[in-house]
Full PDB file with SEQRES, HELIX, SHEET, SSBOND, CRYST1, ORIGX, SCALE, CONECT and MASTER records, all heavy atoms in Angstrom:
SEQRES   1 A   32  SER SER GLU ASN LYS VAL GLY GLN GLU VAL PHE THR ILE          
SEQRES   2 A   32  GLY TYR PRO LEU SER MET ILE LEU GLY GLU LYS PRO LYS          
SEQRES   3 A   32  LEU SER LYS GLY ASN ILE                                      
HELIX    1 AA1 SER A   18  LEU A   21  1                                   4    
SHEET    1 AA1 2 GLU A   9  GLY A  14  0                                        
SHEET    2 AA1 2 LYS A  26  ASN A  31 -1                                        
CRYST1    1.000    1.000    1.000  90.00  90.00  90.00 P 1           1          
ORIGX1      1.000000  0.000000  0.000000        0.00000                         
ORIGX2      0.000000  1.000000  0.000000        0.00000                         
ORIGX3      0.000000  0.000000  1.000000        0.00000                         
SCALE1      1.000000  0.000000  0.000000        0.00000                         
SCALE2      0.000000  1.000000  0.000000        0.00000                         
SCALE3      0.000000  0.000000  1.000000        0.00000                         
ATOM      1  N   SER A   1       4.188  -2.524 -23.208  1.00  0.00           N  
ATOM      2  CA  SER A   1       2.909  -3.084 -22.765  1.00  0.00           C  
ATOM      3  C   SER A   1       3.040  -4.499 -22.192  1.00  0.00           C  
ATOM      4  O   SER A   1       2.321  -4.849 -21.285  1.00  0.00           O  
ATOM      5  CB  SER A   1       1.933  -3.107 -23.961  1.00  0.00           C  
ATOM      6  OG  SER A   1       1.595  -1.798 -24.328  1.00  0.00           O  
ATOM      7  N   SER A   2       4.007  -5.221 -22.707  1.00  0.00           N  
ATOM      8  CA  SER A   2       4.204  -6.608 -22.259  1.00  0.00           C  
ATOM      9  C   SER A   2       4.692  -6.678 -20.794  1.00  0.00           C  
ATOM     10  O   SER A   2       4.578  -7.705 -20.139  1.00  0.00           O  
ATOM     11  CB  SER A   2       5.211  -7.338 -23.132  1.00  0.00           C  
ATOM     12  OG  SER A   2       6.468  -6.694 -23.035  1.00  0.00           O  
ATOM     13  N   GLU A   3       5.132  -5.558 -20.234  1.00  0.00           N  
ATOM     14  CA  GLU A   3       5.604  -5.518 -18.823  1.00  0.00           C  
ATOM     15  C   GLU A   3       4.567  -5.092 -17.830  1.00  0.00           C  
ATOM     16  O   GLU A   3       4.776  -5.093 -16.639  1.00  0.00           O  
ATOM     17  CB  GLU A   3       6.861  -4.647 -18.690  1.00  0.00           C  
ATOM     18  CG  GLU A   3       8.057  -5.209 -19.485  1.00  0.00           C  
ATOM     19  CD  GLU A   3       9.299  -4.316 -19.412  1.00  0.00           C  
ATOM     20  OE1 GLU A   3       9.267  -3.296 -18.719  1.00  0.00           O  
ATOM     21  OE2 GLU A   3      10.272  -4.712 -20.045  1.00  0.00           O  
ATOM     22  N   ASN A   4       3.383  -4.704 -18.314  1.00  0.00           N  
ATOM     23  CA  ASN A   4       2.280  -4.269 -17.441  1.00  0.00           C  
ATOM     24  C   ASN A   4       1.756  -5.454 -16.663  1.00  0.00           C  
ATOM     25  O   ASN A   4       1.650  -6.542 -17.191  1.00  0.00           O  
ATOM     26  CB  ASN A   4       1.125  -3.662 -18.242  1.00  0.00           C  
ATOM     27  CG  ASN A   4       1.547  -2.376 -18.927  1.00  0.00           C  
ATOM     28  OD1 ASN A   4       2.433  -1.662 -18.513  1.00  0.00           O  
ATOM     29  ND2 ASN A   4       0.858  -2.065 -20.042  1.00  0.00           N  
ATOM     30  N   LYS A   5       1.437  -5.211 -15.379  1.00  0.00           N  
ATOM     31  CA  LYS A   5       0.938  -6.248 -14.499  1.00  0.00           C  
ATOM     32  C   LYS A   5      -0.320  -5.731 -13.763  1.00  0.00           C  
ATOM     33  O   LYS A   5      -0.369  -4.570 -13.347  1.00  0.00           O  
ATOM     34  CB  LYS A   5       1.967  -6.652 -13.462  1.00  0.00           C  
ATOM     35  CG  LYS A   5       3.323  -7.097 -14.032  1.00  0.00           C  
ATOM     36  CD  LYS A   5       3.255  -8.468 -14.516  1.00  0.00           C  
ATOM     37  CE  LYS A   5       4.659  -8.929 -14.978  1.00  0.00           C  
ATOM     38  NZ  LYS A   5       4.627  -9.642 -16.188  1.00  0.00           N  
ATOM     39  N   VAL A   6      -1.290  -6.626 -13.553  1.00  0.00           N  
ATOM     40  CA  VAL A   6      -2.418  -6.288 -12.714  1.00  0.00           C  
ATOM     41  C   VAL A   6      -1.927  -5.968 -11.294  1.00  0.00           C  
ATOM     42  O   VAL A   6      -1.094  -6.728 -10.773  1.00  0.00           O  
ATOM     43  CB  VAL A   6      -3.481  -7.394 -12.691  1.00  0.00           C  
ATOM     44  CG1 VAL A   6      -4.580  -7.135 -11.688  1.00  0.00           C  
ATOM     45  CG2 VAL A   6      -4.047  -7.608 -14.073  1.00  0.00           C  
ATOM     46  N   GLY A   7      -2.408  -4.873 -10.721  1.00  0.00           N  
ATOM     47  CA  GLY A   7      -1.943  -4.466  -9.412  1.00  0.00           C  
ATOM     48  C   GLY A   7      -0.839  -3.437  -9.445  1.00  0.00           C  
ATOM     49  O   GLY A   7      -0.573  -2.814  -8.432  1.00  0.00           O  
ATOM     50  N   GLN A   8      -0.229  -3.282 -10.566  1.00  0.00           N  
ATOM     51  CA  GLN A   8       0.904  -2.328 -10.711  1.00  0.00           C  
ATOM     52  C   GLN A   8       0.403  -0.917 -10.410  1.00  0.00           C  
ATOM     53  O   GLN A   8      -0.630  -0.494 -10.877  1.00  0.00           O  
ATOM     54  CB  GLN A   8       1.433  -2.467 -12.153  1.00  0.00           C  
ATOM     55  CG  GLN A   8       2.531  -1.529 -12.528  1.00  0.00           C  
ATOM     56  CD  GLN A   8       2.951  -1.767 -13.993  1.00  0.00           C  
ATOM     57  OE1 GLN A   8       2.539  -2.751 -14.636  1.00  0.00           O  
ATOM     58  NE2 GLN A   8       3.714  -0.855 -14.509  1.00  0.00           N  
ATOM     59  N   GLU A   9       1.216  -0.165  -9.642  1.00  0.00           N  
ATOM     60  CA  GLU A   9       0.878   1.245  -9.356  1.00  0.00           C  
ATOM     61  C   GLU A   9       1.130   2.098 -10.589  1.00  0.00           C  
ATOM     62  O   GLU A   9       2.146   1.928 -11.290  1.00  0.00           O  
ATOM     63  CB  GLU A   9       1.705   1.780  -8.213  1.00  0.00           C  
ATOM     64  CG  GLU A   9       1.276   1.295  -6.825  1.00  0.00           C  
ATOM     65  CD  GLU A   9       2.016   2.021  -5.793  1.00  0.00           C  
ATOM     66  OE1 GLU A   9       3.166   1.630  -5.508  1.00  0.00           O  
ATOM     67  OE2 GLU A   9       1.450   2.945  -5.209  1.00  0.00           O  
ATOM     68  N   VAL A  10       0.201   2.999 -10.864  1.00  0.00           N  
ATOM     69  CA  VAL A  10       0.283   3.931 -11.994  1.00  0.00           C  
ATOM     70  C   VAL A  10      -0.208   5.288 -11.598  1.00  0.00           C  
ATOM     71  O   VAL A  10      -0.900   5.446 -10.587  1.00  0.00           O  
ATOM     72  CB  VAL A  10      -0.524   3.410 -13.212  1.00  0.00           C  
ATOM     73  CG1 VAL A  10       0.103   2.135 -13.784  1.00  0.00           C  
ATOM     74  CG2 VAL A  10      -1.988   3.152 -12.851  1.00  0.00           C  
ATOM     75  N   PHE A  11       0.188   6.299 -12.366  1.00  0.00           N  
ATOM     76  CA  PHE A  11      -0.311   7.664 -12.065  1.00  0.00           C  
ATOM     77  C   PHE A  11      -0.407   8.504 -13.315  1.00  0.00           C  
ATOM     78  O   PHE A  11       0.169   8.151 -14.353  1.00  0.00           O  
ATOM     79  CB  PHE A  11       0.640   8.331 -11.046  1.00  0.00           C  
ATOM     80  CG  PHE A  11       2.013   8.666 -11.539  1.00  0.00           C  
ATOM     81  CD1 PHE A  11       2.326   9.895 -12.060  1.00  0.00           C  
ATOM     82  CD2 PHE A  11       3.015   7.717 -11.431  1.00  0.00           C  
ATOM     83  CE1 PHE A  11       3.646  10.214 -12.465  1.00  0.00           C  
ATOM     84  CE2 PHE A  11       4.312   7.994 -11.867  1.00  0.00           C  
ATOM     85  CZ  PHE A  11       4.612   9.260 -12.359  1.00  0.00           C  
ATOM     86  N   THR A  12      -1.156   9.546 -13.234  1.00  0.00           N  
ATOM     87  CA  THR A  12      -1.284  10.535 -14.293  1.00  0.00           C  
ATOM     88  C   THR A  12      -1.014  11.918 -13.720  1.00  0.00           C  
ATOM     89  O   THR A  12      -1.165  12.100 -12.487  1.00  0.00           O  
ATOM     90  CB  THR A  12      -2.737  10.565 -14.889  1.00  0.00           C  
ATOM     91  OG1 THR A  12      -3.650  10.962 -13.889  1.00  0.00           O  
ATOM     92  CG2 THR A  12      -3.117   9.183 -15.418  1.00  0.00           C  
ATOM     93  N   ILE A  13      -0.615  12.819 -14.583  1.00  0.00           N  
ATOM     94  CA  ILE A  13      -0.517  14.242 -14.204  1.00  0.00           C  
ATOM     95  C   ILE A  13      -1.281  14.955 -15.265  1.00  0.00           C  
ATOM     96  O   ILE A  13      -1.009  14.805 -16.477  1.00  0.00           O  
ATOM     97  CB  ILE A  13       0.964  14.716 -14.186  1.00  0.00           C  
ATOM     98  CG1 ILE A  13       1.797  13.854 -13.252  1.00  0.00           C  
ATOM     99  CG2 ILE A  13       1.007  16.194 -13.800  1.00  0.00           C  
ATOM    100  CD1 ILE A  13       3.315  14.118 -13.365  1.00  0.00           C  
ATOM    101  N   GLY A  14      -2.300  15.680 -14.920  1.00  0.00           N  
ATOM    102  CA  GLY A  14      -3.123  16.335 -15.918  1.00  0.00           C  
ATOM    103  C   GLY A  14      -3.870  17.527 -15.402  1.00  0.00           C  
ATOM    104  O   GLY A  14      -3.530  18.056 -14.319  1.00  0.00           O  
ATOM    105  N   TYR A  15      -4.899  17.896 -16.081  1.00  0.00           N  
ATOM    106  CA  TYR A  15      -5.657  19.114 -15.804  1.00  0.00           C  
ATOM    107  C   TYR A  15      -7.136  18.747 -15.612  1.00  0.00           C  
ATOM    108  O   TYR A  15      -8.028  19.268 -16.351  1.00  0.00           O  
ATOM    109  CB  TYR A  15      -5.502  20.146 -16.905  1.00  0.00           C  
ATOM    110  CG  TYR A  15      -4.066  20.600 -16.995  1.00  0.00           C  
ATOM    111  CD1 TYR A  15      -3.138  19.923 -17.798  1.00  0.00           C  
ATOM    112  CD2 TYR A  15      -3.636  21.712 -16.311  1.00  0.00           C  
ATOM    113  CE1 TYR A  15      -1.816  20.369 -17.903  1.00  0.00           C  
ATOM    114  CE2 TYR A  15      -2.322  22.172 -16.410  1.00  0.00           C  
ATOM    115  CZ  TYR A  15      -1.433  21.462 -17.206  1.00  0.00           C  
ATOM    116  OH  TYR A  15      -0.117  21.888 -17.269  1.00  0.00           O  
ATOM    117  N   PRO A  16      -7.485  17.831 -14.687  1.00  0.00           N  
ATOM    118  CA  PRO A  16      -8.858  17.452 -14.552  1.00  0.00           C  
ATOM    119  C   PRO A  16      -9.759  18.585 -14.030  1.00  0.00           C  
ATOM    120  O   PRO A  16      -9.394  19.280 -13.096  1.00  0.00           O  
ATOM    121  CB  PRO A  16      -8.842  16.311 -13.499  1.00  0.00           C  
ATOM    122  CG  PRO A  16      -7.631  16.619 -12.700  1.00  0.00           C  
ATOM    123  CD  PRO A  16      -6.640  17.237 -13.686  1.00  0.00           C  
ATOM    124  N   LEU A  17     -10.908  18.752 -14.680  1.00  0.00           N  
ATOM    125  CA  LEU A  17     -11.899  19.753 -14.264  1.00  0.00           C  
ATOM    126  C   LEU A  17     -11.234  21.106 -13.940  1.00  0.00           C  
ATOM    127  O   LEU A  17     -11.502  21.733 -12.915  1.00  0.00           O  
ATOM    128  CB  LEU A  17     -12.669  19.240 -13.047  1.00  0.00           C  
ATOM    129  CG  LEU A  17     -13.465  17.923 -13.230  1.00  0.00           C  
ATOM    130  CD1 LEU A  17     -13.997  17.440 -11.931  1.00  0.00           C  
ATOM    131  CD2 LEU A  17     -14.503  18.061 -14.278  1.00  0.00           C  
ATOM    132  N   SER A  18     -10.403  21.569 -14.868  1.00  0.00           N  
ATOM    133  CA  SER A  18      -9.599  22.786 -14.610  1.00  0.00           C  
ATOM    134  C   SER A  18     -10.472  24.014 -14.317  1.00  0.00           C  
ATOM    135  O   SER A  18     -10.036  24.912 -13.618  1.00  0.00           O  
ATOM    136  CB  SER A  18      -8.652  23.042 -15.782  1.00  0.00           C  
ATOM    137  OG  SER A  18      -9.340  23.216 -16.949  1.00  0.00           O  
ATOM    138  N   MET A  19     -11.696  24.046 -14.857  1.00  0.00           N  
ATOM    139  CA  MET A  19     -12.535  25.212 -14.619  1.00  0.00           C  
ATOM    140  C   MET A  19     -12.983  25.252 -13.169  1.00  0.00           C  
ATOM    141  O   MET A  19     -13.346  26.327 -12.677  1.00  0.00           O  
ATOM    142  CB  MET A  19     -13.742  25.193 -15.557  1.00  0.00           C  
ATOM    143  CG  MET A  19     -14.718  24.047 -15.370  1.00  0.00           C  
ATOM    144  SD  MET A  19     -13.930  22.578 -15.930  1.00  0.00           S  
ATOM    145  CE  MET A  19     -15.273  21.615 -16.477  1.00  0.00           C  
ATOM    146  N   ILE A  20     -12.898  24.150 -12.452  1.00  0.00           N  
ATOM    147  CA  ILE A  20     -13.249  24.090 -11.049  1.00  0.00           C  
ATOM    148  C   ILE A  20     -12.036  23.973 -10.154  1.00  0.00           C  
ATOM    149  O   ILE A  20     -11.883  24.677  -9.200  1.00  0.00           O  
ATOM    150  CB  ILE A  20     -14.223  22.893 -10.777  1.00  0.00           C  
ATOM    151  CG1 ILE A  20     -15.518  23.068 -11.569  1.00  0.00           C  
ATOM    152  CG2 ILE A  20     -14.495  22.735  -9.265  1.00  0.00           C  
ATOM    153  CD1 ILE A  20     -16.373  21.819 -11.619  1.00  0.00           C  
ATOM    154  N   LEU A  21     -11.123  23.039 -10.521  1.00  0.00           N  
ATOM    155  CA  LEU A  21      -9.968  22.712  -9.664  1.00  0.00           C  
ATOM    156  C   LEU A  21      -8.777  23.658  -9.871  1.00  0.00           C  
ATOM    157  O   LEU A  21      -7.869  23.636  -9.083  1.00  0.00           O  
ATOM    158  CB  LEU A  21      -9.559  21.292  -9.879  1.00  0.00           C  
ATOM    159  CG  LEU A  21     -10.613  20.239  -9.554  1.00  0.00           C  
ATOM    160  CD1 LEU A  21     -10.108  18.820  -9.876  1.00  0.00           C  
ATOM    161  CD2 LEU A  21     -11.049  20.321  -8.098  1.00  0.00           C  
ATOM    162  N   GLY A  22      -8.768  24.446 -10.966  1.00  0.00           N  
ATOM    163  CA  GLY A  22      -7.714  25.350 -11.236  1.00  0.00           C  
ATOM    164  C   GLY A  22      -6.813  24.882 -12.380  1.00  0.00           C  
ATOM    165  O   GLY A  22      -6.931  23.804 -12.906  1.00  0.00           O  
ATOM    166  N   GLU A  23      -5.887  25.752 -12.718  1.00  0.00           N  
ATOM    167  CA  GLU A  23      -5.053  25.603 -13.918  1.00  0.00           C  
ATOM    168  C   GLU A  23      -3.726  24.882 -13.602  1.00  0.00           C  
ATOM    169  O   GLU A  23      -2.913  24.700 -14.552  1.00  0.00           O  
ATOM    170  CB  GLU A  23      -4.781  26.909 -14.557  1.00  0.00           C  
ATOM    171  CG  GLU A  23      -6.054  27.583 -15.134  1.00  0.00           C  
ATOM    172  CD  GLU A  23      -6.661  26.763 -16.256  1.00  0.00           C  
ATOM    173  OE1 GLU A  23      -5.914  26.200 -17.075  1.00  0.00           O  
ATOM    174  OE2 GLU A  23      -7.918  26.751 -16.345  1.00  0.00           O  
ATOM    175  N   LYS A  24      -3.462  24.491 -12.411  1.00  0.00           N  
ATOM    176  CA  LYS A  24      -2.233  23.774 -12.108  1.00  0.00           C  
ATOM    177  C   LYS A  24      -2.443  22.235 -12.355  1.00  0.00           C  
ATOM    178  O   LYS A  24      -3.516  21.724 -12.108  1.00  0.00           O  
ATOM    179  CB  LYS A  24      -1.820  23.979 -10.659  1.00  0.00           C  
ATOM    180  CG  LYS A  24      -1.618  25.423 -10.294  1.00  0.00           C  
ATOM    181  CD  LYS A  24      -0.211  25.841 -10.549  1.00  0.00           C  
ATOM    182  CE  LYS A  24      -0.016  27.221 -10.000  1.00  0.00           C  
ATOM    183  NZ  LYS A  24       0.864  27.989 -10.743  1.00  0.00           N  
ATOM    184  N   PRO A  25      -1.389  21.550 -12.820  1.00  0.00           N  
ATOM    185  CA  PRO A  25      -1.516  20.100 -13.021  1.00  0.00           C  
ATOM    186  C   PRO A  25      -1.827  19.352 -11.692  1.00  0.00           C  
ATOM    187  O   PRO A  25      -1.403  19.776 -10.650  1.00  0.00           O  
ATOM    188  CB  PRO A  25      -0.162  19.707 -13.525  1.00  0.00           C  
ATOM    189  CG  PRO A  25       0.509  20.946 -13.962  1.00  0.00           C  
ATOM    190  CD  PRO A  25      -0.100  22.049 -13.169  1.00  0.00           C  
ATOM    191  N   LYS A  26      -2.572  18.278 -11.803  1.00  0.00           N  
ATOM    192  CA  LYS A  26      -2.993  17.475 -10.677  1.00  0.00           C  
ATOM    193  C   LYS A  26      -2.534  16.022 -10.852  1.00  0.00           C  
ATOM    194  O   LYS A  26      -2.550  15.497 -11.940  1.00  0.00           O  
ATOM    195  CB  LYS A  26      -4.498  17.483 -10.518  1.00  0.00           C  
ATOM    196  CG  LYS A  26      -5.181  18.846 -10.486  1.00  0.00           C  
ATOM    197  CD  LYS A  26      -4.847  19.661  -9.286  1.00  0.00           C  
ATOM    198  CE  LYS A  26      -5.595  20.950  -9.194  1.00  0.00           C  
ATOM    199  NZ  LYS A  26      -5.087  22.044  -9.970  1.00  0.00           N  
ATOM    200  N   LEU A  27      -2.205  15.419  -9.757  1.00  0.00           N  
ATOM    201  CA  LEU A  27      -1.813  13.979  -9.715  1.00  0.00           C  
ATOM    202  C   LEU A  27      -3.037  13.120  -9.490  1.00  0.00           C  
ATOM    203  O   LEU A  27      -3.941  13.441  -8.710  1.00  0.00           O  
ATOM    204  CB  LEU A  27      -0.833  13.746  -8.548  1.00  0.00           C  
ATOM    205  CG  LEU A  27      -0.523  12.290  -8.214  1.00  0.00           C  
ATOM    206  CD1 LEU A  27       0.351  11.665  -9.334  1.00  0.00           C  
ATOM    207  CD2 LEU A  27       0.190  12.194  -6.880  1.00  0.00           C  
ATOM    208  N   SER A  28      -3.118  11.966 -10.180  1.00  0.00           N  
ATOM    209  CA  SER A  28      -4.148  10.955  -9.969  1.00  0.00           C  
ATOM    210  C   SER A  28      -3.368   9.653  -9.902  1.00  0.00           C  
ATOM    211  O   SER A  28      -2.638   9.322 -10.819  1.00  0.00           O  
ATOM    212  CB  SER A  28      -5.159  10.946 -11.109  1.00  0.00           C  
ATOM    213  OG  SER A  28      -6.000   9.817 -10.965  1.00  0.00           O  
ATOM    214  N   LYS A  29      -3.517   8.901  -8.834  1.00  0.00           N  
ATOM    215  CA  LYS A  29      -2.807   7.682  -8.622  1.00  0.00           C  
ATOM    216  C   LYS A  29      -3.731   6.510  -8.464  1.00  0.00           C  
ATOM    217  O   LYS A  29      -4.811   6.672  -7.938  1.00  0.00           O  
ATOM    218  CB  LYS A  29      -1.946   7.867  -7.367  1.00  0.00           C  
ATOM    219  CG  LYS A  29      -0.819   6.915  -7.190  1.00  0.00           C  
ATOM    220  CD  LYS A  29       0.029   7.295  -6.010  1.00  0.00           C  
ATOM    221  CE  LYS A  29       0.695   6.072  -5.504  1.00  0.00           C  
ATOM    222  NZ  LYS A  29       1.199   6.152  -4.182  1.00  0.00           N  
ATOM    223  N   GLY A  30      -3.331   5.341  -8.917  1.00  0.00           N  
ATOM    224  CA  GLY A  30      -4.112   4.157  -8.789  1.00  0.00           C  
ATOM    225  C   GLY A  30      -3.315   2.919  -9.209  1.00  0.00           C  
ATOM    226  O   GLY A  30      -2.118   2.896  -9.092  1.00  0.00           O  
ATOM    227  N   ASN A  31      -4.056   1.939  -9.653  1.00  0.00           N  
ATOM    228  CA  ASN A  31      -3.425   0.674 -10.059  1.00  0.00           C  
ATOM    229  C   ASN A  31      -4.028   0.160 -11.342  1.00  0.00           C  
ATOM    230  O   ASN A  31      -5.140   0.569 -11.735  1.00  0.00           O  
ATOM    231  CB  ASN A  31      -3.709  -0.423  -9.007  1.00  0.00           C  
ATOM    232  CG  ASN A  31      -3.128  -0.046  -7.657  1.00  0.00           C  
ATOM    233  OD1 ASN A  31      -3.746   0.676  -6.879  1.00  0.00           O  
ATOM    234  ND2 ASN A  31      -1.918  -0.518  -7.348  1.00  0.00           N  
ATOM    235  N   ILE A  32      -3.321  -0.711 -12.006  1.00  0.00           N  
ATOM    236  CA  ILE A  32      -3.877  -1.438 -13.141  1.00  0.00           C  
ATOM    237  C   ILE A  32      -4.827  -2.467 -12.591  1.00  0.00           C  
ATOM    238  O   ILE A  32      -4.393  -3.351 -11.824  1.00  0.00           O  
ATOM    239  CB  ILE A  32      -2.790  -2.058 -14.015  1.00  0.00           C  
ATOM    240  CG1 ILE A  32      -1.925  -0.976 -14.679  1.00  0.00           C  
ATOM    241  CG2 ILE A  32      -3.429  -2.967 -15.122  1.00  0.00           C  
ATOM    242  CD1 ILE A  32      -0.762  -1.506 -15.488  1.00  0.00           C  
TER     243      ILE A  32                                                      
MASTER        0    0    0    1    2    0    0    6  242    1    0    3          
END                                                                             
């Protein structure tokens, strides 16, 4: 946690709204 910086690029891989978007994992990318 001590190495996190504002502006740092981050991402998730998950199953958002799987009942609509499907059962495959999806990428979500952003920043701190």
